[in-house]
């Protein structure tokens, strides 16, 4: 999969937010699939170390399992978004079933931000959800889930595209932890070195 989103998806969904250009030298770190006690506390500590803020696109089932960790994300001043309840792929699902999964997560994650898992969402699903959510996609995906990549390779995927307004995807999941532990400190240091800073997404 490419580091940047496929052009055909961007053309299909012009209403989705793929970047947030600004003159404040802000970039937007985001973390999908958490919260997980094995990974998320470490991520929070790294962000604190660099004075960075981020947006956590949480799975409803994990918020249900780890409500104190979800509240800790908020307590430390980060934003949250809805990443569905059970990490469903919209393609091939009935719109009603898909929307119910997102709404179930919405009862736990109080946010107007939503990121469709895998970016696999149909036009009708997007239309229905667009009535109450801002769909946040990404400019850069680190590919930290790819076990054929090293953590340094994941960091390079991000660093070469750093500029104000980019939305960056990492994952605070157990599967991605090995790469994340290496990549995130490198990226945070590079953000600082370039005179940028990571802000949370607020719409």
N, C-alpha and C. Protein backbone atom coordinates (compact mmCIF):
# COMPACT_ATOMS: atom_id res chain seq x y z
N UNK A 1 0.84 -1.20 0.00
CA UNK A 1 0.00 0.00 0.00
C UNK A 1 0.87 1.25 0.00
N UNK A 2 0.43 2.27 -0.72
CA UNK A 2 1.21 3.49 -0.80
C UNK A 2 1.21 4.24 0.53
N UNK A 3 2.20 5.11 0.68
CA UNK A 3 2.30 5.94 1.87
C UNK A 3 1.21 7.00 1.85
N UNK A 4 0.96 7.56 0.67
CA UNK A 4 -0.09 8.54 0.49
C UNK A 4 -1.37 7.86 0.02
N UNK A 5 -2.54 8.44 0.29
CA UNK A 5 -3.79 7.78 -0.09
C UNK A 5 -3.96 7.67 -1.60
N UNK A 6 -4.58 6.59 -2.07
CA UNK A 6 -4.82 6.43 -3.51
C UNK A 6 -5.66 7.58 -4.06
N UNK A 7 -5.26 8.07 -5.23
CA UNK A 7 -5.95 9.22 -5.82
C UNK A 7 -7.42 8.93 -6.12
N UNK A 8 -7.73 7.68 -6.50
CA UNK A 8 -9.11 7.39 -6.86
C UNK A 8 -10.04 7.50 -5.66
N UNK A 9 -9.53 7.17 -4.46
CA UNK A 9 -10.36 7.30 -3.26
C UNK A 9 -10.58 8.77 -2.94
N UNK A 10 -9.56 9.58 -3.10
CA UNK A 10 -9.70 11.01 -2.84
C UNK A 10 -10.71 11.63 -3.80
N UNK A 11 -10.72 11.17 -5.06
CA UNK A 11 -11.69 11.69 -6.03
C UNK A 11 -13.10 11.23 -5.70
N UNK A 12 -13.24 10.00 -5.20
CA UNK A 12 -14.55 9.47 -4.84
C UNK A 12 -15.17 10.21 -3.66
N UNK A 13 -14.31 10.67 -2.74
CA UNK A 13 -14.79 11.26 -1.49
C UNK A 13 -14.15 12.63 -1.25
N UNK A 14 -14.49 13.61 -2.08
CA UNK A 14 -13.90 14.94 -1.89
C UNK A 14 -14.31 15.60 -0.58
N UNK A 15 -15.40 15.09 0.04
CA UNK A 15 -15.85 15.67 1.31
C UNK A 15 -15.00 15.21 2.49
N UNK A 16 -14.19 14.17 2.30
CA UNK A 16 -13.32 13.69 3.37
C UNK A 16 -12.15 14.67 3.57
N UNK A 17 -11.65 14.70 4.78
CA UNK A 17 -10.52 15.59 5.11
C UNK A 17 -9.23 14.77 5.06
N UNK A 18 -8.37 15.15 4.11
CA UNK A 18 -7.13 14.43 3.88
C UNK A 18 -5.92 15.16 4.43
N UNK A 19 -6.04 16.44 4.66
CA UNK A 19 -4.99 17.26 5.25
C UNK A 19 -5.65 18.50 5.83
N UNK A 20 -4.90 19.23 6.63
CA UNK A 20 -5.41 20.45 7.26
C UNK A 20 -4.36 21.55 7.10
N UNK A 21 -4.20 22.06 5.88
CA UNK A 21 -3.17 23.07 5.62
C UNK A 21 -3.32 24.27 6.56
N UNK A 22 -2.18 24.77 7.03
CA UNK A 22 -2.22 25.88 7.98
C UNK A 22 -0.91 26.64 7.92
N UNK A 23 -0.92 27.83 8.49
CA UNK A 23 0.29 28.65 8.55
C UNK A 23 0.88 28.68 9.96
N UNK A 24 0.49 27.70 10.77
CA UNK A 24 0.95 27.65 12.15
C UNK A 24 2.02 26.58 12.37
N UNK A 25 2.52 26.01 11.28
CA UNK A 25 3.54 24.96 11.36
C UNK A 25 3.06 23.75 12.15
N UNK A 26 1.77 23.44 12.03
CA UNK A 26 1.20 22.30 12.73
C UNK A 26 1.10 21.08 11.82
N UNK A 27 1.43 19.92 12.38
CA UNK A 27 1.14 18.64 11.77
C UNK A 27 0.21 17.90 12.72
N UNK A 28 -0.37 16.81 12.24
CA UNK A 28 -1.40 16.14 13.04
C UNK A 28 -1.10 14.64 13.14
N UNK A 29 -0.52 14.26 14.26
CA UNK A 29 -0.30 12.84 14.54
C UNK A 29 -1.62 12.20 14.95
N UNK A 30 -1.91 11.05 14.38
CA UNK A 30 -3.11 10.31 14.77
C UNK A 30 -2.74 8.85 15.03
N UNK A 31 -3.50 8.23 15.92
CA UNK A 31 -3.26 6.84 16.31
C UNK A 31 -4.57 6.07 16.23
N UNK A 32 -4.55 4.97 15.49
CA UNK A 32 -5.74 4.16 15.27
C UNK A 32 -5.70 2.87 16.09
N UNK A 33 -6.89 2.37 16.38
CA UNK A 33 -7.12 0.99 16.88
C UNK A 33 -6.98 0.82 18.38
N UNK A 34 -6.60 1.84 19.13
CA UNK A 34 -6.50 1.71 20.58
C UNK A 34 -7.83 2.00 21.25
N UNK A 35 -7.79 2.25 22.55
CA UNK A 35 -6.59 2.21 23.38
C UNK A 35 -6.23 0.80 23.81
N UNK A 36 -4.95 0.56 23.96
CA UNK A 36 -4.46 -0.72 24.45
C UNK A 36 -3.46 -0.47 25.58
N UNK A 37 -3.60 -1.16 26.71
CA UNK A 37 -2.71 -0.92 27.85
C UNK A 37 -1.26 -1.28 27.58
N UNK A 38 -1.02 -2.16 26.58
CA UNK A 38 0.34 -2.55 26.27
C UNK A 38 1.09 -1.45 25.50
N UNK A 39 0.36 -0.52 24.89
CA UNK A 39 0.98 0.43 23.96
C UNK A 39 0.61 1.89 24.26
N UNK A 40 -0.65 2.17 24.49
CA UNK A 40 -1.12 3.55 24.58
C UNK A 40 -0.44 4.36 25.69
N UNK A 41 -0.24 3.81 26.89
CA UNK A 41 0.45 4.62 27.91
C UNK A 41 1.84 5.06 27.47
N UNK A 42 2.56 4.19 26.78
CA UNK A 42 3.88 4.56 26.27
C UNK A 42 3.76 5.69 25.25
N UNK A 43 2.78 5.60 24.36
CA UNK A 43 2.56 6.66 23.37
C UNK A 43 2.29 7.99 24.07
N UNK A 44 1.43 7.96 25.07
CA UNK A 44 1.10 9.18 25.81
C UNK A 44 2.35 9.79 26.45
N UNK A 45 3.20 8.94 27.00
CA UNK A 45 4.43 9.45 27.62
C UNK A 45 5.37 10.06 26.58
N UNK A 46 5.47 9.43 25.41
CA UNK A 46 6.30 9.99 24.34
C UNK A 46 5.78 11.35 23.89
N UNK A 47 4.49 11.46 23.73
CA UNK A 47 3.89 12.74 23.32
C UNK A 47 4.17 13.81 24.37
N UNK A 48 4.02 13.45 25.64
CA UNK A 48 4.32 14.40 26.72
C UNK A 48 5.77 14.86 26.67
N UNK A 49 6.66 13.93 26.41
CA UNK A 49 8.10 14.23 26.38
C UNK A 49 8.42 15.32 25.36
N UNK A 50 7.69 15.32 24.24
CA UNK A 50 7.95 16.27 23.16
C UNK A 50 6.94 17.42 23.13
N UNK A 51 6.06 17.48 24.12
CA UNK A 51 5.05 18.53 24.14
C UNK A 51 4.10 18.46 22.96
N UNK A 52 3.83 17.25 22.51
CA UNK A 52 3.00 17.05 21.32
C UNK A 52 1.57 16.65 21.72
N UNK A 53 0.63 17.07 20.90
CA UNK A 53 -0.75 16.63 21.04
C UNK A 53 -1.11 15.78 19.83
N UNK A 54 -2.08 14.90 20.01
CA UNK A 54 -2.46 13.97 18.94
C UNK A 54 -3.96 13.70 18.99
N UNK A 55 -4.41 12.96 18.00
CA UNK A 55 -5.81 12.53 17.95
C UNK A 55 -5.84 11.01 17.90
N UNK A 56 -6.58 10.40 18.81
CA UNK A 56 -6.66 8.94 18.91
C UNK A 56 -8.00 8.47 18.35
N UNK A 57 -7.95 7.75 17.23
CA UNK A 57 -9.16 7.18 16.64
C UNK A 57 -9.37 5.80 17.26
N UNK A 58 -10.26 5.76 18.22
CA UNK A 58 -10.42 4.59 19.09
C UNK A 58 -11.46 3.62 18.57
N UNK A 59 -11.24 2.35 18.88
CA UNK A 59 -12.25 1.33 18.65
C UNK A 59 -13.17 1.27 19.85
N UNK A 60 -14.48 1.26 19.59
CA UNK A 60 -15.43 1.22 20.68
C UNK A 60 -15.22 0.04 21.61
N UNK A 61 -14.89 -1.13 21.04
CA UNK A 61 -14.72 -2.31 21.89
C UNK A 61 -13.54 -2.14 22.84
N UNK A 62 -12.50 -1.40 22.44
CA UNK A 62 -11.36 -1.16 23.33
C UNK A 62 -11.68 -0.11 24.38
N UNK A 63 -12.46 0.89 24.01
CA UNK A 63 -12.90 1.88 25.00
C UNK A 63 -13.74 1.20 26.07
N UNK A 64 -14.56 0.25 25.65
CA UNK A 64 -15.40 -0.51 26.58
C UNK A 64 -14.54 -1.34 27.53
N UNK A 65 -13.47 -1.92 26.98
CA UNK A 65 -12.58 -2.75 27.79
C UNK A 65 -11.69 -1.93 28.72
N UNK A 66 -11.26 -0.75 28.25
CA UNK A 66 -10.27 0.04 28.98
C UNK A 66 -10.73 1.48 29.15
N UNK A 67 -11.84 1.70 29.85
CA UNK A 67 -12.37 3.07 29.97
C UNK A 67 -11.43 4.02 30.69
N UNK A 68 -10.68 3.53 31.66
CA UNK A 68 -9.76 4.42 32.38
C UNK A 68 -8.64 4.92 31.47
N UNK A 69 -8.19 4.06 30.56
CA UNK A 69 -7.15 4.46 29.62
C UNK A 69 -7.71 5.47 28.61
N UNK A 70 -8.92 5.26 28.17
CA UNK A 70 -9.59 6.23 27.29
C UNK A 70 -9.67 7.59 27.98
N UNK A 71 -10.06 7.59 29.23
CA UNK A 71 -10.16 8.85 29.97
C UNK A 71 -8.80 9.49 30.18
N UNK A 72 -7.75 8.68 30.27
CA UNK A 72 -6.40 9.22 30.42
C UNK A 72 -5.97 9.96 29.16
N UNK A 73 -6.36 9.45 28.00
CA UNK A 73 -6.07 10.16 26.75
C UNK A 73 -6.66 11.56 26.80
N UNK A 74 -7.90 11.66 27.23
CA UNK A 74 -8.57 12.95 27.32
C UNK A 74 -7.93 13.82 28.40
N UNK A 75 -7.60 13.21 29.52
CA UNK A 75 -7.02 13.98 30.63
C UNK A 75 -5.72 14.64 30.23
N UNK A 76 -4.97 13.99 29.36
CA UNK A 76 -3.68 14.55 28.93
C UNK A 76 -3.83 15.55 27.78
N UNK A 77 -5.05 15.87 27.43
CA UNK A 77 -5.28 16.95 26.48
C UNK A 77 -5.30 16.58 25.02
N UNK A 78 -5.49 15.30 24.72
CA UNK A 78 -5.54 14.86 23.33
C UNK A 78 -6.99 14.78 22.85
N UNK A 79 -7.17 14.73 21.54
CA UNK A 79 -8.50 14.57 20.96
C UNK A 79 -8.76 13.09 20.68
N UNK A 80 -10.03 12.75 20.57
CA UNK A 80 -10.41 11.38 20.23
C UNK A 80 -11.35 11.41 19.03
N UNK A 81 -11.39 10.30 18.32
CA UNK A 81 -12.30 10.13 17.21
C UNK A 81 -12.82 8.70 17.17
N UNK A 82 -13.86 8.49 16.41
CA UNK A 82 -14.54 7.20 16.28
C UNK A 82 -13.90 6.42 15.14
N UNK A 83 -13.47 5.19 15.45
CA UNK A 83 -12.87 4.31 14.43
C UNK A 83 -13.69 3.03 14.27
N UNK A 84 -14.98 3.15 14.61
CA UNK A 84 -15.96 2.05 14.60
C UNK A 84 -15.88 1.27 15.91
N UNK A 85 -16.84 0.41 16.13
CA UNK A 85 -16.83 -0.42 17.34
C UNK A 85 -15.91 -1.62 17.15
N UNK A 86 -16.02 -2.29 16.01
CA UNK A 86 -15.33 -3.58 15.85
C UNK A 86 -14.41 -3.63 14.63
N UNK A 87 -13.96 -2.46 14.15
CA UNK A 87 -13.01 -2.38 13.04
C UNK A 87 -13.58 -3.00 11.77
N UNK A 88 -14.78 -2.59 11.43
CA UNK A 88 -15.47 -3.16 10.28
C UNK A 88 -15.03 -2.52 8.97
N UNK A 89 -15.06 -3.32 7.91
CA UNK A 89 -14.83 -2.82 6.55
C UNK A 89 -16.19 -2.53 5.92
N UNK A 90 -16.37 -1.32 5.45
CA UNK A 90 -17.65 -0.94 4.88
C UNK A 90 -17.98 -1.65 3.59
N UNK A 91 -16.95 -1.94 2.79
CA UNK A 91 -17.20 -2.59 1.51
C UNK A 91 -17.86 -3.95 1.74
N UNK A 92 -18.96 -4.17 1.07
CA UNK A 92 -19.67 -5.44 1.19
C UNK A 92 -20.64 -5.52 2.35
N UNK A 93 -20.70 -4.50 3.20
CA UNK A 93 -21.64 -4.47 4.32
C UNK A 93 -22.87 -3.65 3.95
N UNK A 94 -24.00 -4.04 4.49
CA UNK A 94 -25.19 -3.22 4.34
C UNK A 94 -24.98 -1.91 5.10
N UNK A 95 -25.49 -0.84 4.51
CA UNK A 95 -25.29 0.48 5.11
C UNK A 95 -25.80 0.52 6.54
N UNK A 96 -26.97 -0.06 6.79
CA UNK A 96 -27.54 -0.04 8.13
C UNK A 96 -26.66 -0.74 9.15
N UNK A 97 -26.10 -1.89 8.76
CA UNK A 97 -25.22 -2.63 9.68
C UNK A 97 -23.94 -1.85 9.96
N UNK A 98 -23.40 -1.24 8.91
CA UNK A 98 -22.17 -0.47 9.07
C UNK A 98 -22.39 0.73 9.98
N UNK A 99 -23.44 1.46 9.72
CA UNK A 99 -23.73 2.66 10.50
C UNK A 99 -24.01 2.30 11.96
N UNK A 100 -24.69 1.19 12.19
CA UNK A 100 -24.96 0.77 13.57
C UNK A 100 -23.67 0.49 14.34
N UNK A 101 -22.70 -0.09 13.66
CA UNK A 101 -21.42 -0.37 14.32
C UNK A 101 -20.74 0.95 14.73
N UNK A 102 -20.76 1.93 13.83
CA UNK A 102 -20.15 3.22 14.14
C UNK A 102 -20.92 3.92 15.25
N UNK A 103 -22.23 3.85 15.20
CA UNK A 103 -23.05 4.52 16.22
C UNK A 103 -22.89 3.85 17.58
N UNK A 104 -22.68 2.54 17.60
CA UNK A 104 -22.41 1.85 18.87
C UNK A 104 -21.14 2.40 19.49
N UNK A 105 -20.12 2.60 18.65
CA UNK A 105 -18.89 3.21 19.14
C UNK A 105 -19.13 4.65 19.58
N UNK A 106 -20.00 5.35 18.84
CA UNK A 106 -20.29 6.73 19.16
C UNK A 106 -20.92 6.93 20.52
N UNK A 107 -21.61 5.90 21.02
CA UNK A 107 -22.17 5.98 22.37
C UNK A 107 -21.08 5.98 23.43
N UNK A 108 -19.90 5.51 23.05
CA UNK A 108 -18.76 5.42 23.99
C UNK A 108 -17.72 6.51 23.73
N UNK A 109 -17.60 6.90 22.47
CA UNK A 109 -16.59 7.88 22.05
C UNK A 109 -17.33 9.14 21.63
N UNK A 110 -17.29 10.13 22.45
CA UNK A 110 -18.07 11.34 22.19
C UNK A 110 -17.25 12.32 21.36
N UNK A 111 -17.38 12.17 20.04
CA UNK A 111 -16.57 12.95 19.12
C UNK A 111 -17.32 13.12 17.81
N UNK A 112 -17.06 14.22 17.13
CA UNK A 112 -17.64 14.41 15.79
C UNK A 112 -16.65 14.03 14.70
N UNK A 113 -15.54 13.38 15.09
CA UNK A 113 -14.53 12.91 14.15
C UNK A 113 -14.68 11.42 13.93
N UNK A 114 -14.49 11.00 12.68
CA UNK A 114 -14.62 9.58 12.34
C UNK A 114 -13.58 9.23 11.29
N UNK A 115 -12.97 8.06 11.45
CA UNK A 115 -12.06 7.53 10.42
C UNK A 115 -12.51 6.11 10.06
N UNK A 116 -12.90 5.89 8.82
CA UNK A 116 -13.33 4.54 8.41
C UNK A 116 -12.16 3.57 8.38
N UNK A 117 -12.27 2.43 9.05
CA UNK A 117 -11.18 1.46 8.99
C UNK A 117 -10.83 1.08 7.55
N UNK A 118 -9.56 1.04 7.27
CA UNK A 118 -9.01 0.69 5.96
C UNK A 118 -9.42 1.67 4.85
N UNK A 119 -10.12 2.74 5.20
CA UNK A 119 -10.72 3.66 4.21
C UNK A 119 -11.69 2.93 3.29
N UNK A 120 -12.21 1.81 3.76
CA UNK A 120 -13.14 1.01 2.95
C UNK A 120 -14.57 1.35 3.35
N UNK A 121 -15.11 2.31 2.65
CA UNK A 121 -16.43 2.82 2.95
C UNK A 121 -17.14 3.11 1.63
N UNK A 122 -18.42 2.79 1.57
CA UNK A 122 -19.20 3.02 0.36
C UNK A 122 -19.79 4.43 0.33
N UNK A 123 -20.15 4.91 -0.85
CA UNK A 123 -20.70 6.26 -0.97
C UNK A 123 -21.95 6.49 -0.12
N UNK A 124 -22.85 5.51 -0.06
CA UNK A 124 -24.06 5.70 0.74
C UNK A 124 -23.74 5.70 2.23
N UNK A 125 -22.82 4.85 2.64
CA UNK A 125 -22.38 4.84 4.04
C UNK A 125 -21.76 6.19 4.40
N UNK A 126 -20.94 6.72 3.50
CA UNK A 126 -20.30 8.02 3.74
C UNK A 126 -21.33 9.13 3.83
N UNK A 127 -22.35 9.05 2.99
CA UNK A 127 -23.39 10.09 3.00
C UNK A 127 -24.13 10.10 4.33
N UNK A 128 -24.52 8.92 4.80
CA UNK A 128 -25.27 8.83 6.06
C UNK A 128 -24.42 9.32 7.23
N UNK A 129 -23.18 8.84 7.29
CA UNK A 129 -22.31 9.22 8.41
C UNK A 129 -21.90 10.69 8.33
N UNK A 130 -21.84 11.21 7.12
CA UNK A 130 -21.45 12.60 6.93
C UNK A 130 -22.43 13.59 7.51
N UNK A 131 -23.63 13.12 7.84
CA UNK A 131 -24.63 14.00 8.45
C UNK A 131 -24.27 14.36 9.89
N UNK A 132 -23.39 13.56 10.52
CA UNK A 132 -23.06 13.85 11.91
C UNK A 132 -21.58 13.69 12.27
N UNK A 133 -20.77 13.31 11.30
CA UNK A 133 -19.34 13.17 11.56
C UNK A 133 -18.51 13.88 10.49
N UNK A 134 -17.35 14.36 10.90
CA UNK A 134 -16.32 14.81 9.95
C UNK A 134 -15.39 13.63 9.71
N UNK A 135 -15.30 13.18 8.47
CA UNK A 135 -14.45 12.03 8.14
C UNK A 135 -13.02 12.48 7.94
N UNK A 136 -12.13 11.98 8.79
CA UNK A 136 -10.71 12.34 8.76
C UNK A 136 -9.93 11.16 8.18
N UNK A 137 -9.32 11.35 7.05
CA UNK A 137 -8.49 10.31 6.48
C UNK A 137 -7.01 10.64 6.77
N UNK A 138 -6.15 10.69 5.78
CA UNK A 138 -4.75 10.94 6.09
C UNK A 138 -3.99 11.43 4.87
N UNK A 139 -2.87 12.07 5.15
CA UNK A 139 -1.91 12.46 4.12
C UNK A 139 -0.81 11.41 4.02
N UNK A 140 -0.39 10.89 5.16
CA UNK A 140 0.73 9.94 5.24
C UNK A 140 0.33 8.78 6.15
N UNK A 141 0.57 7.56 5.69
CA UNK A 141 0.39 6.40 6.57
C UNK A 141 1.76 5.75 6.78
N UNK A 142 2.10 5.53 8.03
CA UNK A 142 3.45 5.06 8.37
C UNK A 142 3.70 3.61 7.94
N UNK A 143 2.63 2.86 7.79
CA UNK A 143 2.70 1.41 7.51
C UNK A 143 3.36 0.65 8.65
N UNK A 144 3.13 1.11 9.87
CA UNK A 144 3.71 0.44 11.03
C UNK A 144 3.15 -0.96 11.23
N UNK A 145 2.06 -1.27 10.56
CA UNK A 145 1.45 -2.61 10.64
C UNK A 145 2.17 -3.63 9.76
N UNK A 146 3.06 -3.18 8.89
CA UNK A 146 3.72 -4.05 7.93
C UNK A 146 4.95 -4.70 8.57
N UNK A 147 4.87 -5.98 8.81
CA UNK A 147 5.94 -6.67 9.52
C UNK A 147 7.19 -6.87 8.67
N UNK A 148 7.09 -6.57 7.39
CA UNK A 148 8.28 -6.64 6.53
C UNK A 148 9.09 -5.35 6.59
N UNK A 149 8.52 -4.32 7.23
CA UNK A 149 9.22 -3.06 7.41
C UNK A 149 9.85 -2.99 8.79
N UNK A 150 10.95 -2.27 8.89
CA UNK A 150 11.54 -1.98 10.20
C UNK A 150 10.92 -0.71 10.76
N UNK A 151 11.14 -0.47 12.05
CA UNK A 151 10.67 0.76 12.64
C UNK A 151 11.29 1.98 11.98
N UNK A 152 12.57 1.89 11.64
CA UNK A 152 13.24 3.00 10.97
C UNK A 152 12.64 3.24 9.58
N UNK A 153 12.26 2.16 8.91
CA UNK A 153 11.61 2.29 7.61
C UNK A 153 10.27 2.99 7.73
N UNK A 154 9.52 2.67 8.77
CA UNK A 154 8.24 3.35 9.01
C UNK A 154 8.45 4.84 9.28
N UNK A 155 9.49 5.15 10.05
CA UNK A 155 9.80 6.55 10.32
C UNK A 155 10.15 7.28 9.03
N UNK A 156 10.92 6.65 8.16
CA UNK A 156 11.29 7.29 6.88
C UNK A 156 10.05 7.56 6.04
N UNK A 157 9.06 6.66 6.11
CA UNK A 157 7.82 6.87 5.36
C UNK A 157 7.14 8.17 5.74
N UNK A 158 7.32 8.57 7.00
CA UNK A 158 6.68 9.79 7.50
C UNK A 158 7.55 11.01 7.30
N UNK A 159 8.81 10.89 7.67
CA UNK A 159 9.71 12.05 7.73
C UNK A 159 9.85 12.73 6.37
N UNK A 160 9.91 11.96 5.30
CA UNK A 160 10.16 12.58 3.99
C UNK A 160 8.99 13.41 3.49
N UNK A 161 7.82 13.28 4.11
CA UNK A 161 6.66 14.05 3.68
C UNK A 161 6.23 15.11 4.70
N UNK A 162 7.01 15.33 5.73
CA UNK A 162 6.59 16.25 6.79
C UNK A 162 6.52 17.69 6.27
N UNK A 163 5.36 18.31 6.45
CA UNK A 163 5.15 19.71 6.15
C UNK A 163 3.87 20.15 6.86
N UNK A 164 3.67 21.44 7.05
CA UNK A 164 2.47 21.88 7.77
C UNK A 164 1.19 21.35 7.12
N UNK A 165 0.30 20.85 7.99
CA UNK A 165 -1.01 20.40 7.53
C UNK A 165 -1.16 18.92 7.30
N UNK A 166 -0.07 18.17 7.31
CA UNK A 166 -0.20 16.74 7.03
C UNK A 166 -0.84 16.00 8.20
N UNK A 167 -1.65 15.01 7.88
CA UNK A 167 -2.26 14.12 8.86
C UNK A 167 -1.54 12.78 8.75
N UNK A 168 -0.98 12.32 9.86
CA UNK A 168 -0.10 11.15 9.89
C UNK A 168 -0.78 10.03 10.67
N UNK A 169 -0.74 8.82 10.12
CA UNK A 169 -1.35 7.67 10.79
C UNK A 169 -0.30 6.73 11.37
N UNK A 170 -0.41 6.52 12.69
CA UNK A 170 0.24 5.41 13.38
C UNK A 170 -0.86 4.57 14.02
N UNK A 171 -0.49 3.47 14.66
CA UNK A 171 -1.46 2.61 15.33
C UNK A 171 -0.95 2.29 16.74
N UNK A 172 -1.77 2.56 17.74
CA UNK A 172 -1.40 2.16 19.12
C UNK A 172 -2.03 0.80 19.41
N UNK A 173 -1.57 -0.18 18.62
CA UNK A 173 -2.06 -1.55 18.75
C UNK A 173 -0.88 -2.48 19.04
N UNK A 174 -1.20 -3.64 19.58
CA UNK A 174 -0.15 -4.62 19.89
C UNK A 174 0.58 -5.06 18.62
N UNK A 175 -0.17 -5.26 17.55
CA UNK A 175 0.42 -5.70 16.28
C UNK A 175 1.50 -4.75 15.78
N UNK A 176 1.29 -3.46 15.97
CA UNK A 176 2.18 -2.45 15.41
C UNK A 176 3.25 -1.98 16.39
N UNK A 177 3.20 -2.46 17.63
CA UNK A 177 4.04 -1.90 18.69
C UNK A 177 5.53 -1.97 18.36
N UNK A 178 5.99 -3.07 17.82
CA UNK A 178 7.43 -3.23 17.58
C UNK A 178 7.95 -2.11 16.67
N UNK A 179 7.23 -1.81 15.61
CA UNK A 179 7.65 -0.72 14.71
C UNK A 179 7.40 0.65 15.33
N UNK A 180 6.30 0.78 16.04
CA UNK A 180 5.94 2.06 16.63
C UNK A 180 6.99 2.50 17.65
N UNK A 181 7.48 1.57 18.46
CA UNK A 181 8.45 1.91 19.50
C UNK A 181 9.72 2.53 18.92
N UNK A 182 10.06 2.14 17.72
CA UNK A 182 11.24 2.72 17.06
C UNK A 182 10.87 3.99 16.30
N UNK A 183 9.76 3.94 15.56
CA UNK A 183 9.42 5.02 14.63
C UNK A 183 8.95 6.30 15.31
N UNK A 184 8.12 6.18 16.33
CA UNK A 184 7.51 7.38 16.89
C UNK A 184 8.53 8.36 17.48
N UNK A 185 9.49 7.93 18.28
CA UNK A 185 10.48 8.90 18.79
C UNK A 185 11.26 9.59 17.67
N UNK A 186 11.58 8.86 16.61
CA UNK A 186 12.29 9.46 15.48
C UNK A 186 11.43 10.55 14.83
N UNK A 187 10.16 10.24 14.63
CA UNK A 187 9.27 11.21 13.99
C UNK A 187 9.04 12.42 14.88
N UNK A 188 8.85 12.20 16.16
CA UNK A 188 8.66 13.32 17.08
C UNK A 188 9.88 14.24 17.11
N UNK A 189 11.05 13.64 17.11
CA UNK A 189 12.28 14.45 17.09
C UNK A 189 12.40 15.23 15.78
N UNK A 190 12.03 14.60 14.68
CA UNK A 190 12.12 15.27 13.38
C UNK A 190 11.11 16.41 13.28
N UNK A 191 9.92 16.21 13.82
CA UNK A 191 8.93 17.29 13.86
C UNK A 191 9.50 18.49 14.60
N UNK A 192 10.11 18.22 15.73
CA UNK A 192 10.72 19.30 16.52
C UNK A 192 11.87 19.96 15.77
N UNK A 193 12.72 19.16 15.14
CA UNK A 193 13.89 19.70 14.43
C UNK A 193 13.49 20.59 13.27
N UNK A 194 12.36 20.29 12.65
CA UNK A 194 11.89 21.08 11.51
C UNK A 194 11.11 22.32 11.93
N UNK A 195 11.02 22.56 13.23
CA UNK A 195 10.28 23.72 13.70
C UNK A 195 8.77 23.56 13.60
N UNK A 196 8.32 22.32 13.50
CA UNK A 196 6.89 22.02 13.46
C UNK A 196 6.43 21.61 14.85
N UNK A 197 5.14 21.51 15.04
CA UNK A 197 4.64 20.90 16.27
C UNK A 197 3.35 20.15 15.96
N UNK A 198 3.12 19.11 16.74
CA UNK A 198 1.95 18.25 16.53
C UNK A 198 0.78 18.74 17.35
N UNK A 199 -0.34 18.96 16.67
CA UNK A 199 -1.55 19.46 17.31
C UNK A 199 -2.66 18.44 17.18
N UNK A 200 -3.65 18.54 18.04
CA UNK A 200 -4.81 17.66 17.92
C UNK A 200 -5.77 18.24 16.88
N UNK A 201 -6.59 17.38 16.32
CA UNK A 201 -7.56 17.80 15.30
C UNK A 201 -8.84 18.26 16.01
N UNK A 202 -9.24 19.48 15.70
CA UNK A 202 -10.46 20.04 16.31
C UNK A 202 -11.29 20.67 15.21
N UNK A 203 -12.47 20.14 14.97
CA UNK A 203 -13.37 20.65 13.94
C UNK A 203 -14.77 20.85 14.52
